[in-house]
PDB file of N, CA and C in Angstrom:
ATOM      1  N   ALA A   1      14.026  13.168   8.251  1.00  0.00           N
ATOM      2  CA  ALA A   1      13.936  13.958   7.046  1.00  0.00           C
ATOM      3  C   ALA A   1      14.525  13.182   5.855  1.00  0.00           C
ATOM      4  N   LYS A   2      15.603  12.442   6.103  1.00  0.00           N
ATOM      5  CA  LYS A   2      16.216  11.671   5.018  1.00  0.00           C
ATOM      6  C   LYS A   2      15.294  10.551   4.554  1.00  0.00           C
ATOM      7  N   LEU A   3      14.600   9.923   5.502  1.00  0.00           N
ATOM      8  CA  LEU A   3      13.689   8.848   5.121  1.00  0.00           C
ATOM      9  C   LEU A   3      12.505   9.383   4.318  1.00  0.00           C
ATOM     10  N   LEU A   4      12.008  10.565   4.676  1.00  0.00           N
ATOM     11  CA  LEU A   4      10.908  11.160   3.913  1.00  0.00           C
ATOM     12  C   LEU A   4      11.358  11.534   2.506  1.00  0.00           C
ATOM     13  N   LEU A   5      12.576  12.010   2.371  1.00  0.00           N
ATOM     14  CA  LEU A   5      13.119  12.318   1.055  1.00  0.00           C
ATOM     15  C   LEU A   5      13.259  11.048   0.217  1.00  0.00           C
ATOM     16  N   LEU A   6      13.748   9.970   0.836  1.00  0.00           N
ATOM     17  CA  LEU A   6      13.862   8.699   0.140  1.00  0.00           C
ATOM     18  C   LEU A   6      12.489   8.159  -0.241  1.00  0.00           C
ATOM     19  N   LEU A   7      11.520   8.294   0.643  1.00  0.00           N
ATOM     20  CA  LEU A   7      10.160   7.853   0.361  1.00  0.00           C
ATOM     21  C   LEU A   7       9.574   8.615  -0.821  1.00  0.00           C
ATOM     22  N   ALA A   8       9.756   9.920  -0.856  1.00  0.00           N
ATOM     23  CA  ALA A   8       9.260  10.736  -1.964  1.00  0.00           C
ATOM     24  C   ALA A   8       9.977  10.373  -3.271  1.00  0.00           C
ATOM     25  N   LEU A   9      11.276  10.142  -3.206  1.00  0.00           N
ATOM     26  CA  LEU A   9      12.036   9.770  -4.401  1.00  0.00           C
ATOM     27  C   LEU A   9      11.564   8.429  -4.959  1.00  0.00           C
ATOM     28  N   LEU A  10      11.344   7.453  -4.090  1.00  0.00           N
ATOM     29  CA  LEU A  10      10.881   6.150  -4.548  1.00  0.00           C
ATOM     30  C   LEU A  10       9.457   6.226  -5.096  1.00  0.00           C
ATOM     31  N   PHE A  11       8.634   7.082  -4.541  1.00  0.00           N
ATOM     32  CA  PHE A  11       7.294   7.271  -5.102  1.00  0.00           C
ATOM     33  C   PHE A  11       7.374   7.879  -6.495  1.00  0.00           C
ATOM     34  N   LEU A  12       8.277   8.824  -6.679  1.00  0.00           N
ATOM     35  CA  LEU A  12       8.438   9.428  -8.002  1.00  0.00           C
ATOM     36  C   LEU A  12       8.967   8.416  -9.018  1.00  0.00           C
ATOM     37  N   VAL A  13       9.863   7.536  -8.593  1.00  0.00           N
ATOM     38  CA  VAL A  13      10.348   6.484  -9.483  1.00  0.00           C
ATOM     39  C   VAL A  13       9.195   5.553  -9.843  1.00  0.00           C
ATOM     40  N   GLY A  14       8.264   5.371  -8.923  1.00  0.00           N
ATOM     41  CA  GLY A  14       7.109   4.529  -9.177  1.00  0.00           C
ATOM     42  C   GLY A  14       6.156   5.090 -10.212  1.00  0.00           C
ATOM     43  N   LEU A  15       6.330   6.327 -10.610  1.00  0.00           N
ATOM     44  CA  LEU A  15       5.488   6.909 -11.644  1.00  0.00           C
ATOM     45  C   LEU A  15       5.926   6.492 -13.046  1.00  0.00           C
ATOM     46  N   LEU A  16       7.030   5.773 -13.146  1.00  0.00           N
ATOM     47  CA  LEU A  16       7.463   5.232 -14.433  1.00  0.00           C
ATOM     48  C   LEU A  16       6.590   4.033 -14.793  1.00  0.00           C
ATOM     49  N   PRO A  17       6.485   3.710 -16.071  1.00  0.00           N
ATOM     50  CA  PRO A  17       5.667   2.552 -16.463  1.00  0.00           C
ATOM     51  C   PRO A  17       6.208   1.246 -15.887  1.00  0.00           C
ATOM     52  N   TRP A  18       5.310   0.316 -15.626  1.00  0.00           N
ATOM     53  CA  TRP A  18       5.569  -1.030 -15.142  1.00  0.00           C
ATOM     54  C   TRP A  18       6.061  -1.099 -13.706  1.00  0.00           C
ATOM     55  N   ILE A  19       5.975  -0.021 -12.962  1.00  0.00           N
ATOM     56  CA  ILE A  19       6.277  -0.044 -11.528  1.00  0.00           C
ATOM     57  C   ILE A  19       4.979   0.282 -10.815  1.00  0.00           C
ATOM     58  N   ASP A  20       4.509  -0.635  -9.983  1.00  0.00           N
ATOM     59  CA  ASP A  20       3.180  -0.522  -9.392  1.00  0.00           C
ATOM     60  C   ASP A  20       3.237   0.235  -8.068  1.00  0.00           C
ATOM     61  N   ASN A  21       2.821   1.492  -8.096  1.00  0.00           N
ATOM     62  CA  ASN A  21       2.795   2.287  -6.877  1.00  0.00           C
ATOM     63  C   ASN A  21       1.727   1.812  -5.905  1.00  0.00           C
ATOM     64  N   TYR A  22       0.643   1.223  -6.401  1.00  0.00           N
ATOM     65  CA  TYR A  22      -0.373   0.687  -5.489  1.00  0.00           C
ATOM     66  C   TYR A  22       0.232  -0.379  -4.587  1.00  0.00           C
ATOM     67  N   ALA A  23       1.046  -1.258  -5.134  1.00  0.00           N
ATOM     68  CA  ALA A  23       1.688  -2.300  -4.338  1.00  0.00           C
ATOM     69  C   ALA A  23       2.676  -1.698  -3.344  1.00  0.00           C
ATOM     70  N   HIS A  24       3.421  -0.695  -3.767  1.00  0.00           N
ATOM     71  CA  HIS A  24       4.391  -0.071  -2.861  1.00  0.00           C
ATOM     72  C   HIS A  24       3.694   0.670  -1.727  1.00  0.00           C
ATOM     73  N   ILE A  25       2.623   1.374  -2.027  1.00  0.00           N
ATOM     74  CA  ILE A  25       1.889   2.108  -0.985  1.00  0.00           C
ATOM     75  C   ILE A  25       1.241   1.125  -0.013  1.00  0.00           C
ATOM     76  N   GLY A  26       0.638   0.063  -0.547  1.00  0.00           N
ATOM     77  CA  GLY A  26       0.035  -0.948   0.321  1.00  0.00           C
ATOM     78  C   GLY A  26       1.064  -1.637   1.194  1.00  0.00           C
ATOM     79  N   GLY A  27       2.211  -1.982   0.629  1.00  0.00           N
ATOM     80  CA  GLY A  27       3.275  -2.609   1.406  1.00  0.00           C
ATOM     81  C   GLY A  27       3.843  -1.685   2.470  1.00  0.00           C
ATOM     82  N   PHE A  28       3.953  -0.410   2.141  1.00  0.00           N
ATOM     83  CA  PHE A  28       4.439   0.558   3.125  1.00  0.00           C
ATOM     84  C   PHE A  28       3.476   0.667   4.297  1.00  0.00           C
ATOM     85  N   LEU A  29       2.181   0.793   3.999  1.00  0.00           N
ATOM     86  CA  LEU A  29       1.184   0.913   5.071  1.00  0.00           C
ATOM     87  C   LEU A  29       1.115  -0.352   5.919  1.00  0.00           C
ATOM     88  N   PHE A  30       1.122  -1.515   5.257  1.00  0.00           N
ATOM     89  CA  PHE A  30       1.067  -2.774   5.989  1.00  0.00           C
ATOM     90  C   PHE A  30       2.310  -2.954   6.863  1.00  0.00           C
ATOM     91  N   GLY A  31       3.482  -2.655   6.325  1.00  0.00           N
ATOM     92  CA  GLY A  31       4.706  -2.759   7.114  1.00  0.00           C
ATOM     93  C   GLY A  31       4.755  -1.775   8.266  1.00  0.00           C
ATOM     94  N   PHE A  32       4.245  -0.563   8.038  1.00  0.00           N
ATOM     95  CA  PHE A  32       4.207   0.452   9.097  1.00  0.00           C
ATOM     96  C   PHE A  32       3.308  -0.011  10.241  1.00  0.00           C
ATOM     97  N   LEU A  33       2.144  -0.543   9.904  1.00  0.00           N
ATOM     98  CA  LEU A  33       1.210  -0.991  10.942  1.00  0.00           C
ATOM     99  C   LEU A  33       1.726  -2.222  11.679  1.00  0.00           C
ATOM    100  N   THR A  34       2.251  -3.191  10.938  1.00  0.00           N
ATOM    101  CA  THR A  34       2.717  -4.410  11.607  1.00  0.00           C
ATOM    102  C   THR A  34       3.996  -4.183  12.414  1.00  0.00           C
ATOM    103  N   SER A  35       4.748  -3.140  12.092  1.00  0.00           N
ATOM    104  CA  SER A  35       5.946  -2.867  12.895  1.00  0.00           C
ATOM    105  C   SER A  35       5.567  -2.470  14.316  1.00  0.00           C
ATOM    106  N   PHE A  36       4.429  -1.800  14.486  1.00  0.00           N
ATOM    107  CA  PHE A  36       3.983  -1.453  15.837  1.00  0.00           C
ATOM    108  C   PHE A  36       3.524  -2.688  16.606  1.00  0.00           C
ATOM    109  N   VAL A  37       3.095  -3.717  15.887  1.00  0.00           N
ATOM    110  CA  VAL A  37       2.620  -4.924  16.550  1.00  0.00           C
ATOM    111  C   VAL A  37       3.783  -5.801  17.008  1.00  0.00           C
ATOM    112  N   VAL A  38       4.810  -5.960  16.182  1.00  0.00           N
ATOM    113  CA  VAL A  38       5.843  -6.955  16.461  1.00  0.00           C
ATOM    114  C   VAL A  38       7.111  -6.398  17.110  1.00  0.00           C
ATOM    115  N   LEU A  39       7.356  -5.107  17.029  1.00  0.00           N
ATOM    116  CA  LEU A  39       8.589  -4.585  17.614  1.00  0.00           C
ATOM    117  C   LEU A  39       8.481  -4.502  19.137  1.00  0.00           C
ATOM    118  N   PRO A  40       9.555  -4.826  19.830  1.00  0.00           N
ATOM    119  CA  PRO A  40       9.520  -4.732  21.297  1.00  0.00           C
ATOM    120  C   PRO A  40       9.500  -3.273  21.753  1.00  0.00           C
ATOM    121  N   HIS A  41       9.004  -3.065  22.942  1.00  0.00           N
ATOM    122  CA  HIS A  41       8.955  -1.712  23.480  1.00  0.00           C
ATOM    123  C   HIS A  41       9.277  -1.749  24.979  1.00  0.00           C
ATOM    124  N   VAL A  42       9.661  -0.604  25.508  1.00  0.00           N
ATOM    125  CA  VAL A  42      10.001  -0.457  26.922  1.00  0.00           C
ATOM    126  C   VAL A  42       8.843   0.261  27.603  1.00  0.00           C
ATOM    127  N   ASN A  43       8.384  -0.299  28.724  1.00  0.00           N
ATOM    128  CA  ASN A  43       7.296   0.314  29.485  1.00  0.00           C
ATOM    129  C   ASN A  43       7.877   1.108  30.647  1.00  0.00           C
ATOM    130  N   PHE A  44       7.389   2.326  30.810  1.00  0.00           N
ATOM    131  CA  PHE A  44       7.865   3.173  31.901  1.00  0.00           C
ATOM    132  C   PHE A  44       6.883   3.217  33.061  1.00  0.00           C
ATOM    133  N   SER A  45       5.639   2.901  32.807  1.00  0.00           N
ATOM    134  CA  SER A  45       4.626   2.870  33.858  1.00  0.00           C
ATOM    135  C   SER A  45       3.489   1.963  33.403  1.00  0.00           C
ATOM    136  N   GLU A  46       2.544   1.743  34.290  1.00  0.00           N
ATOM    137  CA  GLU A  46       1.391   0.907  33.949  1.00  0.00           C
ATOM    138  C   GLU A  46       0.528   1.572  32.878  1.00  0.00           C
ATOM    139  N   GLU A  47       0.384   2.893  32.975  1.00  0.00           N
ATOM    140  CA  GLU A  47      -0.397   3.612  31.959  1.00  0.00           C
ATOM    141  C   GLU A  47       0.284   3.548  30.594  1.00  0.00           C
ATOM    142  N   ASP A  48       1.591   3.627  30.600  1.00  0.00           N
ATOM    143  CA  ASP A  48       2.356   3.533  29.356  1.00  0.00           C
ATOM    144  C   ASP A  48       2.202   2.144  28.734  1.00  0.00           C
ATOM    145  N   ARG A  49       2.215   1.105  29.574  1.00  0.00           N
ATOM    146  CA  ARG A  49       2.043  -0.256  29.083  1.00  0.00           C
ATOM    147  C   ARG A  49       0.660  -0.439  28.462  1.00  0.00           C
ATOM    148  N   ILE A  50      -0.358   0.100  29.108  1.00  0.00           N
ATOM    149  CA  ILE A  50      -1.724  -0.018  28.586  1.00  0.00           C
ATOM    150  C   ILE A  50      -1.868   0.758  27.282  1.00  0.00           C
ATOM    151  N   ALA A  51      -1.292   1.948  27.221  1.00  0.00           N
ATOM    152  CA  ALA A  51      -1.374   2.754  25.998  1.00  0.00           C
ATOM    153  C   ALA A  51      -0.685   2.039  24.832  1.00  0.00           C
ATOM    154  N   LYS A  52       0.477   1.454  25.079  1.00  0.00           N
ATOM    155  CA  LYS A  52       1.189   0.750  24.018  1.00  0.00           C
ATOM    156  C   LYS A  52       0.462  -0.524  23.609  1.00  0.00           C
ATOM    157  N   LEU A  53      -0.191  -1.179  24.561  1.00  0.00           N
ATOM    158  CA  LEU A  53      -0.983  -2.359  24.238  1.00  0.00           C
ATOM    159  C   LEU A  53      -2.179  -1.998  23.367  1.00  0.00           C
ATOM    160  N   VAL A  54      -2.817  -0.865  23.666  1.00  0.00           N
ATOM    161  CA  VAL A  54      -3.942  -0.399  22.847  1.00  0.00           C
ATOM    162  C   VAL A  54      -3.465  -0.075  21.430  1.00  0.00           C
ATOM    163  N   VAL A  55      -2.315   0.567  21.307  1.00  0.00           N
ATOM    164  CA  VAL A  55      -1.761   0.874  19.980  1.00  0.00           C
ATOM    165  C   VAL A  55      -1.439  -0.410  19.232  1.00  0.00           C
ATOM    166  N   GLN A  56      -0.871  -1.405  19.925  1.00  0.00           N
ATOM    167  CA  GLN A  56      -0.562  -2.680  19.281  1.00  0.00           C
ATOM    168  C   GLN A  56      -1.827  -3.371  18.782  1.00  0.00           C
ATOM    169  N   ILE A  57      -2.853  -3.398  19.581  1.00  0.00           N
ATOM    170  CA  ILE A  57      -4.100  -4.047  19.178  1.00  0.00           C
ATOM    171  C   ILE A  57      -4.744  -3.294  18.023  1.00  0.00           C
ATOM    172  N   ALA A  58      -4.770  -1.964  18.105  1.00  0.00           N
ATOM    173  CA  ALA A  58      -5.369  -1.167  17.025  1.00  0.00           C
ATOM    174  C   ALA A  58      -4.617  -1.363  15.715  1.00  0.00           C
ATOM    175  N   CYS A  59      -3.291  -1.369  15.770  1.00  0.00           N
ATOM    176  CA  CYS A  59      -2.504  -1.576  14.546  1.00  0.00           C
ATOM    177  C   CYS A  59      -2.677  -2.989  14.015  1.00  0.00           C
ATOM    178  N   GLY A  60      -2.807  -3.968  14.888  1.00  0.00           N
ATOM    179  CA  GLY A  60      -3.059  -5.329  14.446  1.00  0.00           C
ATOM    180  C   GLY A  60      -4.401  -5.461  13.749  1.00  0.00           C
ATOM    181  N   VAL A  61      -5.425  -4.845  14.316  1.00  0.00           N
ATOM    182  CA  VAL A  61      -6.755  -4.874  13.695  1.00  0.00           C
ATOM    183  C   VAL A  61      -6.729  -4.128  12.361  1.00  0.00           C
ATOM    184  N   LEU A  62      -6.077  -2.974  12.317  1.00  0.00           N
ATOM    185  CA  LEU A  62      -5.978  -2.223  11.066  1.00  0.00           C
ATOM    186  C   LEU A  62      -5.201  -2.985  10.003  1.00  0.00           C
ATOM    187  N   SER A  63      -4.187  -3.749  10.412  1.00  0.00           N
ATOM    188  CA  SER A  63      -3.434  -4.561   9.458  1.00  0.00           C
ATOM    189  C   SER A  63      -4.315  -5.638   8.838  1.00  0.00           C
ATOM    190  N   VAL A  64      -5.126  -6.286   9.660  1.00  0.00           N
ATOM    191  CA  VAL A  64      -6.034  -7.318   9.150  1.00  0.00           C
ATOM    192  C   VAL A  64      -7.081  -6.693   8.231  1.00  0.00           C
ATOM    193  N   VAL A  65      -7.614  -5.534   8.625  1.00  0.00           N
ATOM    194  CA  VAL A  65      -8.603  -4.842   7.791  1.00  0.00           C
ATOM    195  C   VAL A  65      -7.980  -4.415   6.468  1.00  0.00           C
ATOM    196  N   LEU A  66      -6.763  -3.880   6.508  1.00  0.00           N
ATOM    197  CA  LEU A  66      -6.080  -3.470   5.281  1.00  0.00           C
ATOM    198  C   LEU A  66      -5.833  -4.666   4.372  1.00  0.00           C
ATOM    199  N   PHE A  67      -5.399  -5.775   4.942  1.00  0.00           N
ATOM    200  CA  PHE A  67      -5.161  -6.977   4.143  1.00  0.00           C
ATOM    201  C   PHE A  67      -6.461  -7.460   3.501  1.00  0.00           C
ATOM    202  N   ALA A  68      -7.538  -7.502   4.272  1.00  0.00           N
ATOM    203  CA  ALA A  68      -8.825  -7.946   3.729  1.00  0.00           C
ATOM    204  C   ALA A  68      -9.318  -6.990   2.652  1.00  0.00           C
ATOM    205  N   LEU A  69      -9.169  -5.690   2.880  1.00  0.00           N
ATOM    206  CA  LEU A  69      -9.609  -4.700   1.900  1.00  0.00           C
ATOM    207  C   LEU A  69      -8.819  -4.820   0.599  1.00  0.00           C
ATOM    208  N   LEU A  70      -7.509  -4.953   0.706  1.00  0.00           N
ATOM    209  CA  LEU A  70      -6.687  -5.099  -0.496  1.00  0.00           C
ATOM    210  C   LEU A  70      -6.968  -6.409  -1.214  1.00  0.00           C
ATOM    211  N   PHE A  71      -7.265  -7.461  -0.468  1.00  0.00           N
ATOM    212  CA  PHE A  71      -7.635  -8.735  -1.077  1.00  0.00           C
ATOM    213  C   PHE A  71      -8.936  -8.594  -1.864  1.00  0.00           C
ATOM    214  N   ILE A  72      -9.908  -7.922  -1.272  1.00  0.00           N
ATOM    215  CA  ILE A  72     -11.187  -7.717  -1.952  1.00  0.00           C
ATOM    216  C   ILE A  72     -11.009  -6.844  -3.187  1.00  0.00           C
ATOM    217  N   VAL A  73     -10.253  -5.778  -3.066  1.00  0.00           N
ATOM    218  CA  VAL A  73     -10.043  -4.883  -4.207  1.00  0.00           C
ATOM    219  C   VAL A  73      -9.306  -5.610  -5.330  1.00  0.00           C
ATOM    220  N   PHE A  74      -8.304  -6.407  -4.982  1.00  0.00           N
ATOM    221  CA  PHE A  74      -7.515  -7.076  -6.010  1.00  0.00           C
ATOM    222  C   PHE A  74      -8.315  -8.152  -6.740  1.00  0.00           C
ATOM    223  N   TYR A  75      -9.114  -8.906  -6.005  1.00  0.00           N
ATOM    224  CA  TYR A  75      -9.799 -10.027  -6.627  1.00  0.00           C
ATOM    225  C   TYR A  75     -11.225  -9.725  -7.078  1.00  0.00           C
ATOM    226  N   LEU A  76     -11.885  -8.763  -6.459  1.00  0.00           N
ATOM    227  CA  LEU A  76     -13.285  -8.545  -6.797  1.00  0.00           C
ATOM    228  C   LEU A  76     -13.565  -7.232  -7.506  1.00  0.00           C
ATOM    229  N   ALA A  77     -12.780  -6.226  -7.267  1.00  0.00           N
ATOM    230  CA  ALA A  77     -13.076  -4.898  -7.820  1.00  0.00           C
ATOM    231  C   ALA A  77     -12.016  -4.456  -8.815  1.00  0.00           C
ATOM    232  N   GLN A  78     -11.619  -5.332  -9.711  1.00  0.00           N
ATOM    233  CA  GLN A  78     -10.579  -4.970 -10.666  1.00  0.00           C
ATOM    234  C   GLN A  78     -11.082  -4.032 -11.741  1.00  0.00           C
ATOM    235  N   GLY A  79     -12.354  -4.037 -12.020  1.00  0.00           N
ATOM    236  CA  GLY A  79     -12.897  -3.190 -13.074  1.00  0.00           C
ATOM    237  C   GLY A  79     -13.260  -1.808 -12.578  1.00  0.00           C
ATOM    238  N   SER A  80     -12.407  -1.186 -11.834  1.00  0.00           N
ATOM    239  CA  SER A  80     -12.680   0.139 -11.295  1.00  0.00           C
ATOM    240  C   SER A  80     -12.776   1.169 -12.418  1.00  0.00           C
ATOM    241  N   THR A  81     -13.661   2.128 -12.250  1.00  0.00           N
ATOM    242  CA  THR A  81     -13.840   3.166 -13.261  1.00  0.00           C
ATOM    243  C   THR A  81     -13.241   4.494 -12.817  1.00  0.00           C
ATOM    244  N   CYS A  82     -12.290   4.456 -11.938  1.00  0.00           N
ATOM    245  CA  CYS A  82     -11.629   5.674 -11.471  1.00  0.00           C
ATOM    246  C   CYS A  82     -10.739   6.214 -12.596  1.00  0.00           C
ATOM    247  N   GLU A  83     -11.104   7.365 -13.124  1.00  0.00           N
ATOM    248  CA  GLU A  83     -10.372   7.912 -14.264  1.00  0.00           C
ATOM    249  C   GLU A  83      -8.997   8.457 -13.889  1.00  0.00           C
ATOM    250  N   ASN A  84      -8.865   9.038 -12.718  1.00  0.00           N
ATOM    251  CA  ASN A  84      -7.604   9.662 -12.327  1.00  0.00           C
ATOM    252  C   ASN A  84      -6.672   8.715 -11.580  1.00  0.00           C
ATOM    253  N   CYS A  85      -7.144   7.501 -11.275  1.00  0.00           N
ATOM    254  CA  CYS A  85      -6.298   6.554 -10.541  1.00  0.00           C
ATOM    255  C   CYS A  85      -5.123   6.070 -11.374  1.00  0.00           C
ATOM    256  N   ILE A  86      -5.198   6.179 -12.679  1.00  0.00           N
ATOM    257  CA  ILE A  86      -4.095   5.756 -13.544  1.00  0.00           C
ATOM    258  C   ILE A  86      -2.838   6.603 -13.285  1.00  0.00           C
ATOM    259  N   TYR A  87      -3.029   7.826 -12.817  1.00  0.00           N
ATOM    260  CA  TYR A  87      -1.888   8.721 -12.599  1.00  0.00           C
ATOM    261  C   TYR A  87      -1.085   8.355 -11.355  1.00  0.00           C
ATOM    262  N   ILE A  88      -1.589   7.447 -10.530  1.00  0.00           N
ATOM    263  CA  ILE A  88      -0.807   6.983  -9.381  1.00  0.00           C
ATOM    264  C   ILE A  88       0.301   6.044  -9.853  1.00  0.00           C
ATOM    265  N   ASN A  89       0.044   5.294 -10.909  1.00  0.00           N
ATOM    266  CA  ASN A  89       1.032   4.343 -11.414  1.00  0.00           C
ATOM    267  C   ASN A  89       1.910   4.895 -12.516  1.00  0.00           C
ATOM    268  N   CYS A  90       1.398   5.804 -13.340  1.00  0.00           N
ATOM    269  CA  CYS A  90       2.184   6.292 -14.465  1.00  0.00           C
ATOM    270  C   CYS A  90       1.650   7.658 -14.898  1.00  0.00           C
ATOM    271  N   ILE A  91       2.535   8.606 -15.044  1.00  0.00           N
ATOM    272  CA  ILE A  91       2.152   9.921 -15.552  1.00  0.00           C
ATOM    273  C   ILE A  91       2.558   9.970 -17.021  1.00  0.00           C
ATOM    274  N   PRO A  92       1.601  10.178 -17.923  1.00  0.00           N
ATOM    275  CA  PRO A  92       1.924  10.167 -19.354  1.00  0.00           C
ATOM    276  C   PRO A  92       2.620  11.455 -19.787  1.00  0.00           C
ATOM    277  N   PHE A  93       3.947  11.431 -19.796  1.00  0.00           N
ATOM    278  CA  PHE A  93       4.703  12.603 -20.227  1.00  0.00           C
ATOM    279  C   PHE A  93       4.577  12.817 -21.735  1.00  0.00           C
ATOM    280  N   THR A  94       4.412  11.730 -22.467  1.00  0.00           N
ATOM    281  CA  THR A  94       4.164  11.796 -23.912  1.00  0.00           C
ATOM    282  C   THR A  94       2.908  10.979 -24.203  1.00  0.00           C
ATOM    283  N   ASP A  95       2.467  10.976 -25.457  1.00  0.00           N
ATOM    284  CA  ASP A  95       1.251  10.244 -25.816  1.00  0.00           C
ATOM    285  C   ASP A  95       1.406   8.730 -25.671  1.00  0.00           C
ATOM    286  N   SER A  96       2.603   8.215 -25.874  1.00  0.00           N
ATOM    287  CA  SER A  96       2.800   6.770 -25.833  1.00  0.00           C
ATOM    288  C   SER A  96       3.589   6.302 -24.611  1.00  0.00           C
ATOM    289  N   PHE A  97       3.774   7.152 -23.620  1.00  0.00           N
ATOM    290  CA  PHE A  97       4.633   6.815 -22.488  1.00  0.00           C
ATOM    291  C   PHE A  97       4.031   5.704 -21.631  1.00  0.00           C
ATOM    292  N   CYS A  98       2.734   5.725 -21.376  1.00  0.00           N
ATOM    293  CA  CYS A  98       2.109   4.753 -20.482  1.00  0.00           C
ATOM    294  C   CYS A  98       1.286   3.707 -21.217  1.00  0.00           C
ATOM    295  N   GLN A  99       1.366   3.652 -22.532  1.00  0.00           N
ATOM    296  CA  GLN A  99       0.526   2.716 -23.269  1.00  0.00           C
ATOM    297  C   GLN A  99       0.855   1.266 -22.973  1.00  0.00           C
ATOM    298  N   ASP A 100       2.106   0.937 -22.810  1.00  0.00           N
ATOM    299  CA  ASP A 100       2.497  -0.448 -22.583  1.00  0.00           C
ATOM    300  C   ASP A 100       2.265  -0.906 -21.152  1.00  0.00           C
ATOM    301  N   SER A 101       1.942  -0.012 -20.244  1.00  0.00           N
ATOM    302  CA  SER A 101       1.831  -0.395 -18.836  1.00  0.00           C
ATOM    303  C   SER A 101       0.427  -0.796 -18.434  1.00  0.00           C
ATOM    304  N   THR A 102      -0.528  -0.722 -19.322  1.00  0.00           N
ATOM    305  CA  THR A 102      -1.882  -1.146 -18.961  1.00  0.00           C
ATOM    306  C   THR A 102      -1.997  -2.649 -19.094  1.00  0.00           C
ATOM    307  N   MET A 103      -2.728  -3.244 -18.177  1.00  0.00           N
ATOM    308  CA  MET A 103      -2.946  -4.676 -18.209  1.00  0.00           C
ATOM    309  C   MET A 103      -4.436  -4.938 -18.198  1.00  0.00           C
ATOM    310  N   GLU A 104      -4.848  -5.920 -18.925  1.00  0.00           N
ATOM    311  CA  GLU A 104      -6.238  -6.346 -18.916  1.00  0.00           C
ATOM    312  C   GLU A 104      -6.284  -7.709 -18.252  1.00  0.00           C
ATOM    313  N   LEU A 105      -6.795  -7.756 -17.041  1.00  0.00           N
ATOM    314  CA  LEU A 105      -6.862  -9.010 -16.294  1.00  0.00           C
ATOM    315  C   LEU A 105      -8.164  -9.714 -16.624  1.00  0.00           C
ATOM    316  N   ARG A 106      -8.056 -10.963 -17.005  1.00  0.00           N
ATOM    317  CA  ARG A 106      -9.222 -11.770 -17.329  1.00  0.00           C
ATOM    318  C   ARG A 106      -9.168 -13.045 -16.513  1.00  0.00           C
ATOM    319  N   PRO A 107     -10.311 -13.544 -16.076  1.00  0.00           N
ATOM    320  CA  PRO A 107     -10.298 -14.824 -15.341  1.00  0.00           C
ATOM    321  C   PRO A 107      -9.915 -15.966 -16.283  1.00  0.00           C
ATOM    322  N   ARG A 108      -9.262 -16.982 -15.719  1.00  0.00           N
ATOM    323  CA  ARG A 108      -8.878 -18.138 -16.510  1.00  0.00           C
ATOM    324  C   ARG A 108     -10.104 -18.981 -16.826  1.00  0.00           C
ATOM    325  N   ILE A 109     -10.145 -19.480 -18.018  1.00  0.00           N
ATOM    326  CA  ILE A 109     -11.264 -20.313 -18.434  1.00  0.00           C
ATOM    327  C   ILE A 109     -10.966 -21.762 -18.078  1.00  0.00           C
ATOM    328  N   GLY A 110     -11.960 -22.436 -17.527  1.00  0.00           N
ATOM    329  CA  GLY A 110     -11.817 -23.854 -17.209  1.00  0.00           C
ATOM    330  C   GLY A 110     -11.185 -24.130 -15.869  1.00  0.00           C
ATOM    331  N   VAL A 111     -11.179 -23.188 -14.985  1.00  0.00           N
ATOM    332  CA  VAL A 111     -10.586 -23.408 -13.661  1.00  0.00           C
ATOM    333  C   VAL A 111     -11.631 -23.926 -12.720  1.00  0.00           C
TER     334      VAL A 111
END
């Protein structure tokens, strides 16, 4: 319960300008999935060992898929037209609260 409260508090802090909640959510999911892959576990039976191995493989595959998806979104789909997605990173409490937090990413010329 304490960890969920801390998680909710940190998400709320991420609603301030210049704090990227997309990065925090992606890092949380990636860390959660990879923790099942790399942490040691105790087997109580053969069925338990097989079940934990299946979970490890599934989390490993999901981690690779998540990494590839985030890579594609970051590098290829930056011009998203999602109107409400801005509220994940910053909630405009006033008219000028989130104005400075927008970034316009442009490819470098001559690379």
